[in-house]
């Protein structure tokens, strides 16, 4: 893996963390990770992770909701 590819993946991993753990917009995430445009960030994100940043956030939200629904409350 070349240094450029390594650095790109590092930036995208940071972007993934922002998407999953903050309420930042995709544009804000892109800029925070050093991309000049949301489109470029989304294209590279899809190339690496196989889904768009918006889809990533939506899937994460669905999984969180499903996880919360499966938690039982002990009322003893």
Foldseek 3Di string as FASTA:
>chain_A
DDPVVVLLVVLLVQLLCCLLPHPDDLQVSCVVSPHPGSVVSQVVNCVPVVHGSVVSSVVSVVVVVVVVVPDDDDPD
